[in-house]
């Protein structure tokens, strides 16, 4: 359980790092999209589509960062659930020992 607790503690930093990376990628995507939108010299109706096409790399980087953040968050929650399961199991075992009279010595 100690090892699991340590992994949970470390997961907070990993989640934070992944979220920071996602925010940076999201900002870069927004900046690149706005610049591509402003730079496009064509009909107004085509600006958004041209900006979408021009920023596919930034969008992909943002999506990868988002997926990494979500994975780290889910892993952290899974570790917490595993710890709660071990704690519940520990309580059950302690209760069984108390009923059996073991440990009262």
N, C-alpha and C. Protein backbone atom coordinates (compact mmCIF):
# COMPACT_ATOMS: atom_id res chain seq x y z
N UNK A 1 0.83 -1.19 0.00
CA UNK A 1 0.00 0.00 0.00
C UNK A 1 0.87 1.25 0.00
N UNK A 2 2.04 1.15 0.62
CA UNK A 2 2.94 2.30 0.64
C UNK A 2 3.41 2.63 -0.77
N UNK A 3 3.76 1.60 -1.54
CA UNK A 3 4.19 1.81 -2.92
C UNK A 3 3.08 2.47 -3.73
N UNK A 4 1.87 2.03 -3.53
CA UNK A 4 0.72 2.60 -4.24
C UNK A 4 0.50 4.06 -3.84
N UNK A 5 0.64 4.35 -2.56
CA UNK A 5 0.50 5.73 -2.08
C UNK A 5 1.56 6.63 -2.70
N UNK A 6 2.78 6.12 -2.81
CA UNK A 6 3.85 6.89 -3.44
C UNK A 6 3.56 7.14 -4.92
N UNK A 7 3.01 6.14 -5.60
CA UNK A 7 2.66 6.32 -7.02
C UNK A 7 1.57 7.36 -7.18
N UNK A 8 0.61 7.38 -6.26
CA UNK A 8 -0.46 8.38 -6.31
C UNK A 8 0.12 9.77 -6.11
N UNK A 9 1.03 9.89 -5.16
CA UNK A 9 1.65 11.19 -4.90
C UNK A 9 2.41 11.69 -6.13
N UNK A 10 3.12 10.79 -6.79
CA UNK A 10 3.86 11.18 -7.99
C UNK A 10 2.93 11.50 -9.15
N UNK A 11 1.77 10.87 -9.18
CA UNK A 11 0.85 11.08 -10.30
C UNK A 11 0.31 12.51 -10.33
N UNK A 12 0.27 13.18 -9.19
CA UNK A 12 -0.21 14.56 -9.17
C UNK A 12 0.70 15.45 -10.02
N UNK A 13 2.00 15.26 -9.90
CA UNK A 13 2.95 16.05 -10.70
C UNK A 13 2.83 15.70 -12.18
N UNK A 14 2.68 14.42 -12.47
CA UNK A 14 2.55 13.99 -13.86
C UNK A 14 1.29 14.61 -14.48
N UNK A 15 0.18 14.56 -13.75
CA UNK A 15 -1.07 15.16 -14.25
C UNK A 15 -0.89 16.66 -14.48
N UNK A 16 -0.24 17.32 -13.54
CA UNK A 16 -0.01 18.75 -13.68
C UNK A 16 0.88 19.05 -14.89
N UNK A 17 1.94 18.28 -15.06
CA UNK A 17 2.83 18.48 -16.21
C UNK A 17 2.08 18.28 -17.52
N UNK A 18 1.27 17.24 -17.60
CA UNK A 18 0.52 16.97 -18.83
C UNK A 18 -0.50 18.07 -19.10
N UNK A 19 -1.13 18.57 -18.04
CA UNK A 19 -2.11 19.64 -18.23
C UNK A 19 -1.43 20.92 -18.68
N UNK A 20 -0.26 21.21 -18.12
CA UNK A 20 0.50 22.39 -18.53
C UNK A 20 0.89 22.28 -20.00
N UNK A 21 1.31 21.09 -20.42
CA UNK A 21 1.65 20.87 -21.83
C UNK A 21 0.43 21.05 -22.72
N UNK A 22 -0.72 20.57 -22.26
CA UNK A 22 -1.95 20.74 -23.04
C UNK A 22 -2.29 22.22 -23.19
N UNK A 23 -2.21 22.98 -22.10
CA UNK A 23 -2.53 24.40 -22.17
C UNK A 23 -1.59 25.14 -23.12
N UNK A 24 -0.30 24.79 -23.08
CA UNK A 24 0.66 25.42 -23.99
C UNK A 24 0.33 25.08 -25.44
N UNK A 25 0.01 23.83 -25.70
CA UNK A 25 -0.35 23.42 -27.06
C UNK A 25 -1.65 24.08 -27.51
N UNK A 26 -2.59 24.23 -26.60
CA UNK A 26 -3.86 24.88 -26.93
C UNK A 26 -3.65 26.35 -27.27
N UNK A 27 -2.80 27.02 -26.49
CA UNK A 27 -2.48 28.42 -26.79
C UNK A 27 -1.80 28.55 -28.14
N UNK A 28 -0.85 27.66 -28.42
CA UNK A 28 -0.14 27.70 -29.69
C UNK A 28 -1.10 27.47 -30.86
N UNK A 29 -2.03 26.54 -30.69
CA UNK A 29 -3.03 26.30 -31.73
C UNK A 29 -3.88 27.54 -31.96
N UNK A 30 -4.37 28.15 -30.87
CA UNK A 30 -5.20 29.36 -31.00
C UNK A 30 -4.44 30.48 -31.70
N UNK A 31 -3.16 30.65 -31.33
CA UNK A 31 -2.34 31.70 -31.94
C UNK A 31 -2.15 31.43 -33.43
N UNK A 32 -1.80 30.19 -33.76
CA UNK A 32 -1.55 29.84 -35.16
C UNK A 32 -2.83 29.96 -35.99
N UNK A 33 -3.96 29.56 -35.41
CA UNK A 33 -5.23 29.65 -36.13
C UNK A 33 -5.58 31.11 -36.42
N UNK A 34 -5.44 31.95 -35.40
CA UNK A 34 -5.75 33.37 -35.59
C UNK A 34 -4.84 33.99 -36.64
N UNK A 35 -3.56 33.64 -36.60
CA UNK A 35 -2.62 34.19 -37.58
C UNK A 35 -2.96 33.71 -38.99
N UNK A 36 -3.25 32.43 -39.13
CA UNK A 36 -3.61 31.88 -40.44
C UNK A 36 -4.91 32.50 -40.95
N UNK A 37 -5.84 32.75 -40.06
CA UNK A 37 -7.11 33.37 -40.43
C UNK A 37 -6.88 34.77 -40.96
N UNK A 38 -6.03 35.52 -40.24
CA UNK A 38 -5.76 36.90 -40.66
C UNK A 38 -4.92 36.97 -41.93
N UNK A 39 -4.03 36.01 -42.12
CA UNK A 39 -3.12 36.04 -43.27
C UNK A 39 -3.77 35.58 -44.57
N UNK A 40 -4.87 34.86 -44.49
CA UNK A 40 -5.48 34.32 -45.71
C UNK A 40 -6.04 35.45 -46.56
N UNK A 41 -5.63 35.46 -47.81
CA UNK A 41 -6.11 36.49 -48.74
C UNK A 41 -7.06 35.83 -49.72
N UNK A 42 -8.28 35.81 -49.37
CA UNK A 42 -9.30 35.20 -50.20
C UNK A 42 -10.66 35.60 -49.68
N UNK A 43 -11.69 34.98 -50.19
CA UNK A 43 -13.05 35.32 -49.74
C UNK A 43 -13.22 35.07 -48.24
N UNK A 44 -14.02 35.90 -47.63
CA UNK A 44 -14.27 35.81 -46.19
C UNK A 44 -14.81 34.44 -45.80
N UNK A 45 -15.65 33.87 -46.64
CA UNK A 45 -16.26 32.57 -46.35
C UNK A 45 -15.23 31.44 -46.29
N UNK A 46 -14.07 31.63 -46.91
CA UNK A 46 -13.06 30.58 -46.96
C UNK A 46 -11.99 30.72 -45.87
N UNK A 47 -11.98 31.83 -45.16
CA UNK A 47 -10.92 32.08 -44.17
C UNK A 47 -10.83 30.99 -43.11
N UNK A 48 -11.98 30.59 -42.58
CA UNK A 48 -11.97 29.58 -41.51
C UNK A 48 -11.42 28.26 -42.02
N UNK A 49 -11.83 27.86 -43.20
CA UNK A 49 -11.38 26.59 -43.74
C UNK A 49 -9.89 26.62 -44.07
N UNK A 50 -9.43 27.75 -44.56
CA UNK A 50 -8.01 27.90 -44.85
C UNK A 50 -7.20 27.86 -43.56
N UNK A 51 -7.72 28.50 -42.52
CA UNK A 51 -7.03 28.50 -41.22
C UNK A 51 -7.02 27.10 -40.62
N UNK A 52 -8.13 26.37 -40.76
CA UNK A 52 -8.17 24.97 -40.29
C UNK A 52 -7.10 24.14 -40.98
N UNK A 53 -7.01 24.29 -42.28
CA UNK A 53 -6.04 23.51 -43.06
C UNK A 53 -4.61 23.89 -42.69
N UNK A 54 -4.37 25.16 -42.47
CA UNK A 54 -3.01 25.63 -42.17
C UNK A 54 -2.54 25.25 -40.77
N UNK A 55 -3.46 24.93 -39.89
CA UNK A 55 -3.07 24.67 -38.49
C UNK A 55 -3.28 23.22 -38.08
N UNK A 56 -3.28 22.31 -39.02
CA UNK A 56 -3.47 20.90 -38.69
C UNK A 56 -2.36 20.37 -37.77
N UNK A 57 -1.14 20.78 -37.98
CA UNK A 57 -0.02 20.32 -37.13
C UNK A 57 -0.22 20.77 -35.69
N UNK A 58 -0.59 22.03 -35.51
CA UNK A 58 -0.83 22.55 -34.16
C UNK A 58 -2.03 21.87 -33.51
N UNK A 59 -3.06 21.61 -34.30
CA UNK A 59 -4.25 20.93 -33.77
C UNK A 59 -3.88 19.51 -33.32
N UNK A 60 -3.07 18.83 -34.12
CA UNK A 60 -2.64 17.48 -33.76
C UNK A 60 -1.82 17.49 -32.48
N UNK A 61 -0.89 18.45 -32.36
CA UNK A 61 -0.08 18.56 -31.14
C UNK A 61 -0.96 18.81 -29.92
N UNK A 62 -1.97 19.65 -30.09
CA UNK A 62 -2.90 19.93 -28.99
C UNK A 62 -3.68 18.68 -28.61
N UNK A 63 -4.14 17.95 -29.60
CA UNK A 63 -4.91 16.74 -29.34
C UNK A 63 -4.08 15.66 -28.65
N UNK A 64 -2.81 15.54 -29.05
CA UNK A 64 -1.92 14.57 -28.40
C UNK A 64 -1.69 14.97 -26.95
N UNK A 65 -1.47 16.27 -26.71
CA UNK A 65 -1.28 16.74 -25.33
C UNK A 65 -2.54 16.52 -24.50
N UNK A 66 -3.70 16.73 -25.09
CA UNK A 66 -4.97 16.50 -24.39
C UNK A 66 -5.13 15.03 -24.04
N UNK A 67 -4.81 14.16 -24.98
CA UNK A 67 -4.92 12.71 -24.72
C UNK A 67 -3.97 12.28 -23.62
N UNK A 68 -2.74 12.83 -23.62
CA UNK A 68 -1.77 12.49 -22.57
C UNK A 68 -2.26 12.95 -21.20
N UNK A 69 -2.84 14.14 -21.16
CA UNK A 69 -3.37 14.65 -19.89
C UNK A 69 -4.52 13.78 -19.40
N UNK A 70 -5.43 13.43 -20.28
CA UNK A 70 -6.58 12.61 -19.88
C UNK A 70 -6.13 11.22 -19.42
N UNK A 71 -5.13 10.67 -20.09
CA UNK A 71 -4.61 9.36 -19.69
C UNK A 71 -3.99 9.43 -18.30
N UNK A 72 -3.18 10.47 -18.05
CA UNK A 72 -2.54 10.62 -16.74
C UNK A 72 -3.60 10.79 -15.65
N UNK A 73 -4.64 11.55 -15.95
CA UNK A 73 -5.71 11.76 -14.98
C UNK A 73 -6.46 10.46 -14.69
N UNK A 74 -6.77 9.69 -15.73
CA UNK A 74 -7.46 8.41 -15.52
C UNK A 74 -6.59 7.43 -14.75
N UNK A 75 -5.29 7.42 -15.04
CA UNK A 75 -4.37 6.54 -14.32
C UNK A 75 -4.32 6.92 -12.84
N UNK A 76 -4.28 8.21 -12.56
CA UNK A 76 -4.28 8.67 -11.17
C UNK A 76 -5.55 8.23 -10.45
N UNK A 77 -6.68 8.36 -11.10
CA UNK A 77 -7.94 7.93 -10.48
C UNK A 77 -7.98 6.43 -10.28
N UNK A 78 -7.42 5.68 -11.23
CA UNK A 78 -7.37 4.22 -11.09
C UNK A 78 -6.49 3.82 -9.90
N UNK A 79 -5.38 4.52 -9.73
CA UNK A 79 -4.50 4.23 -8.59
C UNK A 79 -5.21 4.53 -7.27
N UNK A 80 -5.95 5.62 -7.23
CA UNK A 80 -6.70 5.96 -6.02
C UNK A 80 -7.76 4.90 -5.72
N UNK A 81 -8.43 4.43 -6.75
CA UNK A 81 -9.43 3.37 -6.56
C UNK A 81 -8.79 2.09 -6.07
N UNK A 82 -7.62 1.78 -6.61
CA UNK A 82 -6.91 0.58 -6.17
C UNK A 82 -6.52 0.70 -4.70
N UNK A 83 -6.05 1.88 -4.29
CA UNK A 83 -5.69 2.09 -2.89
C UNK A 83 -6.92 1.93 -1.99
N UNK A 84 -8.05 2.48 -2.41
CA UNK A 84 -9.26 2.34 -1.61
C UNK A 84 -9.67 0.88 -1.49
N UNK A 85 -9.48 0.11 -2.55
CA UNK A 85 -9.81 -1.32 -2.50
C UNK A 85 -8.91 -2.04 -1.50
N UNK A 86 -7.61 -1.73 -1.52
CA UNK A 86 -6.69 -2.34 -0.57
C UNK A 86 -7.04 -1.94 0.87
N UNK A 87 -7.41 -0.68 1.07
CA UNK A 87 -7.79 -0.23 2.41
C UNK A 87 -9.05 -0.95 2.89
N UNK A 88 -10.00 -1.13 2.00
CA UNK A 88 -11.22 -1.86 2.35
C UNK A 88 -10.91 -3.31 2.70
N UNK A 89 -10.06 -3.92 1.91
CA UNK A 89 -9.65 -5.30 2.18
C UNK A 89 -8.94 -5.39 3.53
N UNK A 90 -8.09 -4.43 3.81
CA UNK A 90 -7.37 -4.39 5.08
C UNK A 90 -8.35 -4.29 6.25
N UNK A 91 -9.36 -3.44 6.13
CA UNK A 91 -10.35 -3.30 7.19
C UNK A 91 -11.12 -4.60 7.39
N UNK A 92 -11.44 -5.27 6.30
CA UNK A 92 -12.17 -6.55 6.40
C UNK A 92 -11.34 -7.60 7.12
N UNK A 93 -10.08 -7.66 6.79
CA UNK A 93 -9.19 -8.64 7.43
C UNK A 93 -9.03 -8.32 8.91
N UNK A 94 -8.87 -7.05 9.25
CA UNK A 94 -8.76 -6.66 10.66
C UNK A 94 -10.04 -7.02 11.42
N UNK A 95 -11.19 -6.80 10.79
CA UNK A 95 -12.46 -7.14 11.44
C UNK A 95 -12.57 -8.65 11.67
N UNK A 96 -12.10 -9.45 10.72
CA UNK A 96 -12.13 -10.90 10.88
C UNK A 96 -11.24 -11.34 12.04
N UNK A 97 -10.07 -10.73 12.16
CA UNK A 97 -9.18 -11.07 13.26
C UNK A 97 -9.79 -10.68 14.60
N UNK A 98 -10.49 -9.56 14.65
CA UNK A 98 -11.12 -9.14 15.91
C UNK A 98 -12.24 -10.10 16.30
N UNK A 99 -13.02 -10.54 15.33
CA UNK A 99 -14.11 -11.49 15.62
C UNK A 99 -13.53 -12.81 16.10
N UNK A 100 -12.42 -13.23 15.52
CA UNK A 100 -11.81 -14.51 15.89
C UNK A 100 -11.04 -14.41 17.20
N UNK A 101 -10.82 -13.20 17.68
CA UNK A 101 -10.10 -13.03 18.93
C UNK A 101 -8.60 -12.96 18.75
N UNK A 102 -8.14 -12.95 17.54
CA UNK A 102 -6.70 -12.85 17.30
C UNK A 102 -6.30 -11.39 17.41
N UNK A 103 -5.22 -11.14 18.08
CA UNK A 103 -4.74 -9.77 18.22
C UNK A 103 -5.15 -9.12 19.52
N UNK A 104 -5.92 -9.81 20.36
CA UNK A 104 -6.33 -9.25 21.64
C UNK A 104 -5.33 -9.55 22.73
N UNK A 105 -4.29 -10.19 22.39
CA UNK A 105 -3.31 -10.61 23.40
C UNK A 105 -2.47 -9.48 23.88
